[in-house]
Structure formats: C-alpha cells, structure tokens
C-alpha cells in the first residue's frame, strides 16, 4: 500500500477515534461553577510552545514548551472552558446529564468501541498517539485538535507542516493500517457528494457550496450556469 493511502487511512481513523463514545450532555459549566486553574496560557509564545528567534524557532523558556505556565499574577483562567474565569461565570448552565443506560452487555458505547477496535487499528493508534505526545507534544496537540476533536482552527504554513509530519510519524510507526469497511464506504460516498455537482443536486445554494469547497461564490455560480 502506498504511503499516501496509508496516511489517508490514519487520518480517517483519527477522525473517527471518538465516534463510539457517547455525546457528552453535561452543563456548559460545572454545577459548582467555574473554578480557577493553576495554569494559564503562556502569553510569551501564544500557547505554541515555541518563540520566533533569529534563524528559526526556539523552545519557549517561560512555559518549557508546554504552551501553559503556572498562574502567578495573571487573571484567573478556567482550563475546562478555555476562558477567563469572569467570562466563564457568565455562560448559561444546563441541568446535569443522566448516566448512560446499561443493557445486558454493558454500556452501548463500550460494545460499539469493541466493534471499532476489532475492525480497525484504533488500539495501535492510541498507543502511537501516546508516543507522539512524549516525543513531539506540539505536533500531538495539533493532530488531536484538528483530526480527533475536529477543531476548525486556521493553520499557518508551519502549523500545517507540523500537523502533516505528526500524522506521517504515526503512519510510519503503525505499519499495516486497518480501517472498518463501513467507514471506507461512507467516506467514498461523502467524497462523491462533495463535488460541486453533487452539492448542487443536494439543494445547497451557491454561497454554501463555495464555503464548503473553499472557492469564490462567483466561480460556483458560473460553473452552475454552464452545467445548466
């Protein structure tokens, strides 16, 4: 199998790593209210763990490359909500969620995770994520944020390179990459729908198609007129 195809399979595994787990239905803030964390984002490196220096980048000595530093005189910060404490306290609260229901085989999500693990290389992937966290924490944070947690953040060229290198390092250590068949079929169908004609057939407007494909709206409108 070509390395490019293996990388695509690893990305698919990363993107579905948390699929078996139940969707959290907890309050936006804990019932007891927000609480100050011992650590705050490092302002020196802007949570990157590195600072720009002459000739390249250097490890941030303020936070030792973690992107977080122990709070001293900085305003209180809620690490759970990733917000200053005064802003976190103003968020609305929801009632506490009930525990997931049990059936004869235990929690439903536990059986679903076992099914995923049986058909895909998820267990090996978790192991390699732990390895990456120890060897390249910054790249690990990018891989988890973008592919696992689906954080739609904007990445510059350097962050995109670190993200790709993190995925490549995992791919090279994984060896054979198994992906559940149903995920491969689902991904193929999604790719077909992602084409301009497919999105138009689904009833999406030119503006939404342009946003999804990352092209100007006028280009979409012109191509739709040509197709018509």
C-alpha atoms as a PDB file:
ATOM      1  CA  UNK A   1       0.000   0.000   0.000  1.00  0.00           C
ATOM      2  CA  UNK A   2       1.358   3.441  -0.950  1.00  0.00           C
ATOM      3  CA  UNK A   3       2.319   5.773   1.895  1.00  0.00           C
ATOM      4  CA  UNK A   4      -0.216   8.378   0.734  1.00  0.00           C
ATOM      5  CA  UNK A   5      -3.054   5.866   1.023  1.00  0.00           C
ATOM      6  CA  UNK A   6      -1.819   4.776   4.453  1.00  0.00           C
ATOM      7  CA  UNK A   7      -1.773   8.405   5.594  1.00  0.00           C
ATOM      8  CA  UNK A   8      -5.366   8.848   4.398  1.00  0.00           C
ATOM      9  CA  UNK A   9      -6.384   5.758   6.340  1.00  0.00           C
ATOM     10  CA  UNK A  10      -4.681   7.044   9.503  1.00  0.00           C
ATOM     11  CA  UNK A  11      -6.471  10.382   9.137  1.00  0.00           C
ATOM     12  CA  UNK A  12      -9.784   8.527   8.815  1.00  0.00           C
ATOM     13  CA  UNK A  13      -9.000   6.552  11.980  1.00  0.00           C
ATOM     14  CA  UNK A  14      -8.111   9.755  13.819  1.00  0.00           C
ATOM     15  CA  UNK A  15     -11.299  11.469  12.692  1.00  0.00           C
ATOM     16  CA  UNK A  16     -13.432   8.575  13.970  1.00  0.00           C
ATOM     17  CA  UNK A  17     -11.398   7.776  17.093  1.00  0.00           C
ATOM     18  CA  UNK A  18     -14.057   9.176  19.422  1.00  0.00           C
ATOM     19  CA  UNK A  19     -17.095   8.056  17.411  1.00  0.00           C
ATOM     20  CA  UNK A  20     -18.031   5.163  19.725  1.00  0.00           C
ATOM     21  CA  UNK A  21     -18.141   7.341  22.812  1.00  0.00           C
ATOM     22  CA  UNK A  22     -21.454   8.874  23.914  1.00  0.00           C
ATOM     23  CA  UNK A  23     -22.032  12.530  23.147  1.00  0.00           C
ATOM     24  CA  UNK A  24     -21.454  14.496  26.350  1.00  0.00           C
ATOM     25  CA  UNK A  25     -24.614  16.046  27.720  1.00  0.00           C
ATOM     26  CA  UNK A  26     -23.109  17.926  30.582  1.00  0.00           C
ATOM     27  CA  UNK A  27     -23.557  21.525  31.605  1.00  0.00           C
ATOM     28  CA  UNK A  28     -21.656  24.179  29.758  1.00  0.00           C
ATOM     29  CA  UNK A  29     -20.072  24.882  33.129  1.00  0.00           C
ATOM     30  CA  UNK A  30     -19.889  22.517  36.109  1.00  0.00           C
ATOM     31  CA  UNK A  31     -22.807  22.626  38.542  1.00  0.00           C
ATOM     32  CA  UNK A  32     -20.474  24.028  41.169  1.00  0.00           C
ATOM     33  CA  UNK A  33     -19.488  26.838  38.814  1.00  0.00           C
ATOM     34  CA  UNK A  34     -16.218  27.703  37.071  1.00  0.00           C
ATOM     35  CA  UNK A  35     -13.026  27.364  39.064  1.00  0.00           C
ATOM     36  CA  UNK A  36      -9.588  28.935  38.563  1.00  0.00           C
ATOM     37  CA  UNK A  37      -6.877  26.715  37.139  1.00  0.00           C
ATOM     38  CA  UNK A  38      -3.319  26.525  38.413  1.00  0.00           C
ATOM     39  CA  UNK A  39      -2.117  27.153  34.891  1.00  0.00           C
ATOM     40  CA  UNK A  40      -2.838  29.872  32.334  1.00  0.00           C
ATOM     41  CA  UNK A  41      -1.986  30.182  28.633  1.00  0.00           C
ATOM     42  CA  UNK A  42       1.560  31.337  28.043  1.00  0.00           C
ATOM     43  CA  UNK A  43       1.437  34.849  26.607  1.00  0.00           C
ATOM     44  CA  UNK A  44       5.092  34.751  25.553  1.00  0.00           C
ATOM     45  CA  UNK A  45       4.632  32.014  22.938  1.00  0.00           C
ATOM     46  CA  UNK A  46       0.834  32.331  22.479  1.00  0.00           C
ATOM     47  CA  UNK A  47       0.389  28.679  23.532  1.00  0.00           C
ATOM     48  CA  UNK A  48       2.636  27.443  20.700  1.00  0.00           C
ATOM     49  CA  UNK A  49       5.442  26.284  22.983  1.00  0.00           C
ATOM     50  CA  UNK A  50       7.978  27.984  20.714  1.00  0.00           C
ATOM     51  CA  UNK A  51       9.048  31.549  20.064  1.00  0.00           C
ATOM     52  CA  UNK A  52      10.405  33.054  16.891  1.00  0.00           C
ATOM     53  CA  UNK A  53      14.112  33.833  17.008  1.00  0.00           C
ATOM     54  CA  UNK A  54      16.790  34.798  14.550  1.00  0.00           C
ATOM     55  CA  UNK A  55      17.219  31.907  12.159  1.00  0.00           C
ATOM     56  CA  UNK A  56      14.096  29.994  13.171  1.00  0.00           C
ATOM     57  CA  UNK A  57      12.185  28.985  16.281  1.00  0.00           C
ATOM     58  CA  UNK A  58      13.304  28.249  19.848  1.00  0.00           C
ATOM     59  CA  UNK A  59      11.693  26.446  22.772  1.00  0.00           C
ATOM     60  CA  UNK A  60       9.765  28.868  24.956  1.00  0.00           C
ATOM     61  CA  UNK A  61      11.618  29.051  28.273  1.00  0.00           C
ATOM     62  CA  UNK A  62       8.675  30.626  30.090  1.00  0.00           C
ATOM     63  CA  UNK A  63       6.469  27.553  29.732  1.00  0.00           C
ATOM     64  CA  UNK A  64       9.168  24.960  28.861  1.00  0.00           C
ATOM     65  CA  UNK A  65       7.484  24.293  25.533  1.00  0.00           C
ATOM     66  CA  UNK A  66       4.124  23.319  27.034  1.00  0.00           C
ATOM     67  CA  UNK A  67       2.197  26.416  25.982  1.00  0.00           C
ATOM     68  CA  UNK A  68       0.912  26.758  29.567  1.00  0.00           C
ATOM     69  CA  UNK A  69       2.565  28.290  32.628  1.00  0.00           C
ATOM     70  CA  UNK A  70       1.765  28.289  36.327  1.00  0.00           C
ATOM     71  CA  UNK A  71      -0.500  31.195  37.208  1.00  0.00           C
ATOM     72  CA  UNK A  72       1.145  33.981  39.152  1.00  0.00           C
ATOM     73  CA  UNK A  73      -0.381  37.434  38.764  1.00  0.00           C
ATOM     74  CA  UNK A  74      -2.381  36.732  35.641  1.00  0.00           C
ATOM     75  CA  UNK A  75      -6.205  36.910  35.687  1.00  0.00           C
ATOM     76  CA  UNK A  76      -7.909  33.684  36.781  1.00  0.00           C
ATOM     77  CA  UNK A  77      -8.451  31.174  33.975  1.00  0.00           C
ATOM     78  CA  UNK A  78     -10.860  28.246  33.676  1.00  0.00           C
ATOM     79  CA  UNK A  79      -8.892  25.455  31.959  1.00  0.00           C
ATOM     80  CA  UNK A  80     -12.011  23.333  31.356  1.00  0.00           C
ATOM     81  CA  UNK A  81     -13.814  26.008  29.338  1.00  0.00           C
ATOM     82  CA  UNK A  82     -10.633  27.618  27.968  1.00  0.00           C
ATOM     83  CA  UNK A  83     -11.908  31.039  29.032  1.00  0.00           C
ATOM     84  CA  UNK A  84     -11.053  33.707  31.582  1.00  0.00           C
ATOM     85  CA  UNK A  85     -12.884  32.986  34.814  1.00  0.00           C
ATOM     86  CA  UNK A  86     -15.078  36.087  34.679  1.00  0.00           C
ATOM     87  CA  UNK A  87     -16.274  35.167  31.159  1.00  0.00           C
ATOM     88  CA  UNK A  88     -16.830  31.525  32.097  1.00  0.00           C
ATOM     89  CA  UNK A  89     -19.008  32.554  35.028  1.00  0.00           C
ATOM     90  CA  UNK A  90     -21.397  34.364  32.665  1.00  0.00           C
ATOM     91  CA  UNK A  91     -22.115  31.326  30.488  1.00  0.00           C
ATOM     92  CA  UNK A  92     -25.554  29.685  30.804  1.00  0.00           C
ATOM     93  CA  UNK A  93     -25.833  26.410  32.650  1.00  0.00           C
ATOM     94  CA  UNK A  94     -27.720  23.272  31.711  1.00  0.00           C
ATOM     95  CA  UNK A  95     -29.020  20.589  34.070  1.00  0.00           C
ATOM     96  CA  UNK A  96     -26.754  17.664  34.845  1.00  0.00           C
ATOM     97  CA  UNK A  97     -26.971  14.728  32.458  1.00  0.00           C
ATOM     98  CA  UNK A  98     -28.088  11.272  33.430  1.00  0.00           C
ATOM     99  CA  UNK A  99     -25.708   8.346  33.291  1.00  0.00           C
ATOM    100  CA  UNK A 100     -25.856   6.304  30.049  1.00  0.00           C
ATOM    101  CA  UNK A 101     -28.221   3.381  30.213  1.00  0.00           C
ATOM    102  CA  UNK A 102     -26.923  -0.150  30.725  1.00  0.00           C
ATOM    103  CA  UNK A 103     -28.041  -3.205  28.820  1.00  0.00           C
ATOM    104  CA  UNK A 104     -27.153  -6.901  29.195  1.00  0.00           C
ATOM    105  CA  UNK A 105     -23.791  -6.355  27.524  1.00  0.00           C
ATOM    106  CA  UNK A 106     -22.798  -3.253  29.465  1.00  0.00           C
ATOM    107  CA  UNK A 107     -22.809   0.274  28.129  1.00  0.00           C
ATOM    108  CA  UNK A 108     -23.772   0.507  24.471  1.00  0.00           C
ATOM    109  CA  UNK A 109     -20.763   2.677  23.672  1.00  0.00           C
ATOM    110  CA  UNK A 110     -18.437   0.046  25.151  1.00  0.00           C
ATOM    111  CA  UNK A 111     -19.734  -2.582  22.738  1.00  0.00           C
ATOM    112  CA  UNK A 112     -19.513  -0.099  19.857  1.00  0.00           C
ATOM    113  CA  UNK A 113     -15.900   0.705  20.732  1.00  0.00           C
ATOM    114  CA  UNK A 114     -15.100  -3.007  20.840  1.00  0.00           C
ATOM    115  CA  UNK A 115     -16.568  -3.320  17.336  1.00  0.00           C
ATOM    116  CA  UNK A 116     -14.460  -0.435  16.072  1.00  0.00           C
ATOM    117  CA  UNK A 117     -11.324  -1.875  17.679  1.00  0.00           C
ATOM    118  CA  UNK A 118     -11.996  -5.309  16.185  1.00  0.00           C
ATOM    119  CA  UNK A 119     -12.197  -3.954  12.624  1.00  0.00           C
ATOM    120  CA  UNK A 120      -9.713  -1.075  12.763  1.00  0.00           C
ATOM    121  CA  UNK A 121      -6.270  -0.232  14.123  1.00  0.00           C
ATOM    122  CA  UNK A 122      -7.654   2.003  16.856  1.00  0.00           C
ATOM    123  CA  UNK A 123      -5.809   0.390  19.771  1.00  0.00           C
ATOM    124  CA  UNK A 124      -2.474   0.727  17.970  1.00  0.00           C
ATOM    125  CA  UNK A 125      -3.366   4.301  17.014  1.00  0.00           C
ATOM    126  CA  UNK A 126      -3.985   5.261  20.652  1.00  0.00           C
ATOM    127  CA  UNK A 127      -0.604   3.820  21.546  1.00  0.00           C
ATOM    128  CA  UNK A 128       1.116   5.836  18.834  1.00  0.00           C
ATOM    129  CA  UNK A 129      -0.683   8.999  19.931  1.00  0.00           C
ATOM    130  CA  UNK A 130       0.791   8.493  23.401  1.00  0.00           C
ATOM    131  CA  UNK A 131       4.230   8.074  21.819  1.00  0.00           C
ATOM    132  CA  UNK A 132       3.778  11.288  19.823  1.00  0.00           C
ATOM    133  CA  UNK A 133       2.677  13.163  22.942  1.00  0.00           C
ATOM    134  CA  UNK A 134       6.023  12.337  24.584  1.00  0.00           C
ATOM    135  CA  UNK A 135       8.268  12.875  21.565  1.00  0.00           C
ATOM    136  CA  UNK A 136       6.564  15.862  19.876  1.00  0.00           C
ATOM    137  CA  UNK A 137       3.942  17.464  22.184  1.00  0.00           C
ATOM    138  CA  UNK A 138       3.242  20.358  19.822  1.00  0.00           C
ATOM    139  CA  UNK A 139       2.531  18.067  16.862  1.00  0.00           C
ATOM    140  CA  UNK A 140       0.468  15.774  19.076  1.00  0.00           C
ATOM    141  CA  UNK A 141      -1.671  18.722  20.184  1.00  0.00           C
ATOM    142  CA  UNK A 142      -2.277  19.693  16.554  1.00  0.00           C
ATOM    143  CA  UNK A 143      -3.176  16.157  15.476  1.00  0.00           C
ATOM    144  CA  UNK A 144      -5.643  15.731  18.345  1.00  0.00           C
ATOM    145  CA  UNK A 145      -7.197  19.183  17.947  1.00  0.00           C
ATOM    146  CA  UNK A 146      -7.662  19.085  14.171  1.00  0.00           C
ATOM    147  CA  UNK A 147      -8.337  15.418  13.409  1.00  0.00           C
ATOM    148  CA  UNK A 148      -9.683  13.930  16.655  1.00  0.00           C
ATOM    149  CA  UNK A 149     -11.551  16.866  18.188  1.00  0.00           C
ATOM    150  CA  UNK A 150     -12.449  18.421  14.787  1.00  0.00           C
ATOM    151  CA  UNK A 151     -11.365  21.894  15.843  1.00  0.00           C
ATOM    152  CA  UNK A 152     -11.869  24.132  12.806  1.00  0.00           C
ATOM    153  CA  UNK A 153      -8.863  26.321  13.550  1.00  0.00           C
ATOM    154  CA  UNK A 154      -6.885  28.260  10.990  1.00  0.00           C
ATOM    155  CA  UNK A 155      -3.397  26.885  10.469  1.00  0.00           C
ATOM    156  CA  UNK A 156      -0.458  28.748   9.038  1.00  0.00           C
ATOM    157  CA  UNK A 157       2.079  27.006   6.805  1.00  0.00           C
ATOM    158  CA  UNK A 158       4.257  25.956   9.728  1.00  0.00           C
ATOM    159  CA  UNK A 159       1.379  24.539  11.760  1.00  0.00           C
ATOM    160  CA  UNK A 160       0.067  22.677   8.700  1.00  0.00           C
ATOM    161  CA  UNK A 161       3.531  21.177   8.186  1.00  0.00           C
ATOM    162  CA  UNK A 162       3.736  20.075  11.825  1.00  0.00           C
ATOM    163  CA  UNK A 163       0.260  18.566  11.556  1.00  0.00           C
ATOM    164  CA  UNK A 164       1.203  16.600   8.441  1.00  0.00           C
ATOM    165  CA  UNK A 165       4.510  15.467   9.972  1.00  0.00           C
ATOM    166  CA  UNK A 166       2.708  14.302  13.101  1.00  0.00           C
ATOM    167  CA  UNK A 167       0.304  12.179  11.067  1.00  0.00           C
ATOM    168  CA  UNK A 168       3.171  10.856   8.935  1.00  0.00           C
ATOM    169  CA  UNK A 169       5.178   9.848  12.021  1.00  0.00           C
ATOM    170  CA  UNK A 170       2.199   7.891  13.348  1.00  0.00           C
ATOM    171  CA  UNK A 171       1.647   6.279   9.941  1.00  0.00           C
ATOM    172  CA  UNK A 172       5.231   5.090   9.634  1.00  0.00           C
ATOM    173  CA  UNK A 173       5.129   3.500  13.095  1.00  0.00           C
ATOM    174  CA  UNK A 174       1.723   1.879  12.627  1.00  0.00           C
ATOM    175  CA  UNK A 175       2.717  -0.370   9.741  1.00  0.00           C
ATOM    176  CA  UNK A 176      -0.429  -2.051   8.420  1.00  0.00           C
ATOM    177  CA  UNK A 177      -3.440   0.224   8.853  1.00  0.00           C
ATOM    178  CA  UNK A 178      -6.848  -1.400   9.150  1.00  0.00           C
ATOM    179  CA  UNK A 179      -9.976   0.707   8.674  1.00  0.00           C
ATOM    180  CA  UNK A 180     -13.539  -0.595   9.187  1.00  0.00           C
ATOM    181  CA  UNK A 181     -15.147  -1.321   5.831  1.00  0.00           C
ATOM    182  CA  UNK A 182     -18.249   0.702   6.619  1.00  0.00           C
ATOM    183  CA  UNK A 183     -16.106   3.811   7.194  1.00  0.00           C
ATOM    184  CA  UNK A 184     -14.367   3.412   3.827  1.00  0.00           C
ATOM    185  CA  UNK A 185     -17.729   3.104   2.060  1.00  0.00           C
ATOM    186  CA  UNK A 186     -19.105   6.086   3.959  1.00  0.00           C
ATOM    187  CA  UNK A 187     -16.069   8.196   3.105  1.00  0.00           C
ATOM    188  CA  UNK A 188     -16.326   7.332  -0.593  1.00  0.00           C
ATOM    189  CA  UNK A 189     -19.963   8.415  -0.619  1.00  0.00           C
ATOM    190  CA  UNK A 190     -19.118  11.666   1.141  1.00  0.00           C
ATOM    191  CA  UNK A 191     -16.403  12.417  -1.397  1.00  0.00           C
ATOM    192  CA  UNK A 192     -18.867  11.961  -4.233  1.00  0.00           C
ATOM    193  CA  UNK A 193     -21.315  14.324  -2.565  1.00  0.00           C
ATOM    194  CA  UNK A 194     -18.523  16.836  -2.000  1.00  0.00           C
ATOM    195  CA  UNK A 195     -18.242  17.641  -5.688  1.00  0.00           C
ATOM    196  CA  UNK A 196     -19.862  20.810  -6.900  1.00  0.00           C
ATOM    197  CA  UNK A 197     -22.495  18.992  -8.918  1.00  0.00           C
ATOM    198  CA  UNK A 198     -23.286  16.709  -6.012  1.00  0.00           C
ATOM    199  CA  UNK A 199     -23.695  19.602  -3.598  1.00  0.00           C
ATOM    200  CA  UNK A 200     -25.919  21.423  -6.058  1.00  0.00           C
ATOM    201  CA  UNK A 201     -28.023  18.287  -6.503  1.00  0.00           C
ATOM    202  CA  UNK A 202     -28.425  18.150  -2.731  1.00  0.00           C
ATOM    203  CA  UNK A 203     -30.101  21.545  -2.877  1.00  0.00           C
ATOM    204  CA  UNK A 204     -27.283  23.694  -1.496  1.00  0.00           C
ATOM    205  CA  UNK A 205     -27.019  27.292  -2.631  1.00  0.00           C
ATOM    206  CA  UNK A 206     -24.008  28.785  -4.361  1.00  0.00           C
ATOM    207  CA  UNK A 207     -22.821  30.506  -1.190  1.00  0.00           C
ATOM    208  CA  UNK A 208     -22.840  27.317   0.887  1.00  0.00           C
ATOM    209  CA  UNK A 209     -21.151  25.337  -1.905  1.00  0.00           C
ATOM    210  CA  UNK A 210     -18.435  27.979  -2.155  1.00  0.00           C
ATOM    211  CA  UNK A 211     -17.863  27.863   1.595  1.00  0.00           C
ATOM    212  CA  UNK A 212     -17.562  24.086   1.668  1.00  0.00           C
ATOM    213  CA  UNK A 213     -15.258  23.839  -1.334  1.00  0.00           C
ATOM    214  CA  UNK A 214     -13.208  26.904  -0.450  1.00  0.00           C
ATOM    215  CA  UNK A 215     -13.691  28.663  -3.788  1.00  0.00           C
ATOM    216  CA  UNK A 216     -15.237  32.058  -4.680  1.00  0.00           C
ATOM    217  CA  UNK A 217     -19.003  32.231  -4.902  1.00  0.00           C
ATOM    218  CA  UNK A 218     -18.843  33.765  -8.384  1.00  0.00           C
ATOM    219  CA  UNK A 219     -16.884  30.758  -9.631  1.00  0.00           C
ATOM    220  CA  UNK A 220     -19.561  28.438  -8.288  1.00  0.00           C
ATOM    221  CA  UNK A 221     -22.339  30.471  -9.883  1.00  0.00           C
ATOM    222  CA  UNK A 222     -20.525  30.497 -13.237  1.00  0.00           C
ATOM    223  CA  UNK A 223     -19.971  26.731 -13.205  1.00  0.00           C
ATOM    224  CA  UNK A 224     -23.580  26.086 -12.205  1.00  0.00           C
ATOM    225  CA  UNK A 225     -24.792  28.229 -15.130  1.00  0.00           C
ATOM    226  CA  UNK A 226     -22.532  26.303 -17.507  1.00  0.00           C
ATOM    227  CA  UNK A 227     -23.824  22.995 -16.191  1.00  0.00           C
ATOM    228  CA  UNK A 228     -27.411  24.153 -16.660  1.00  0.00           C
END
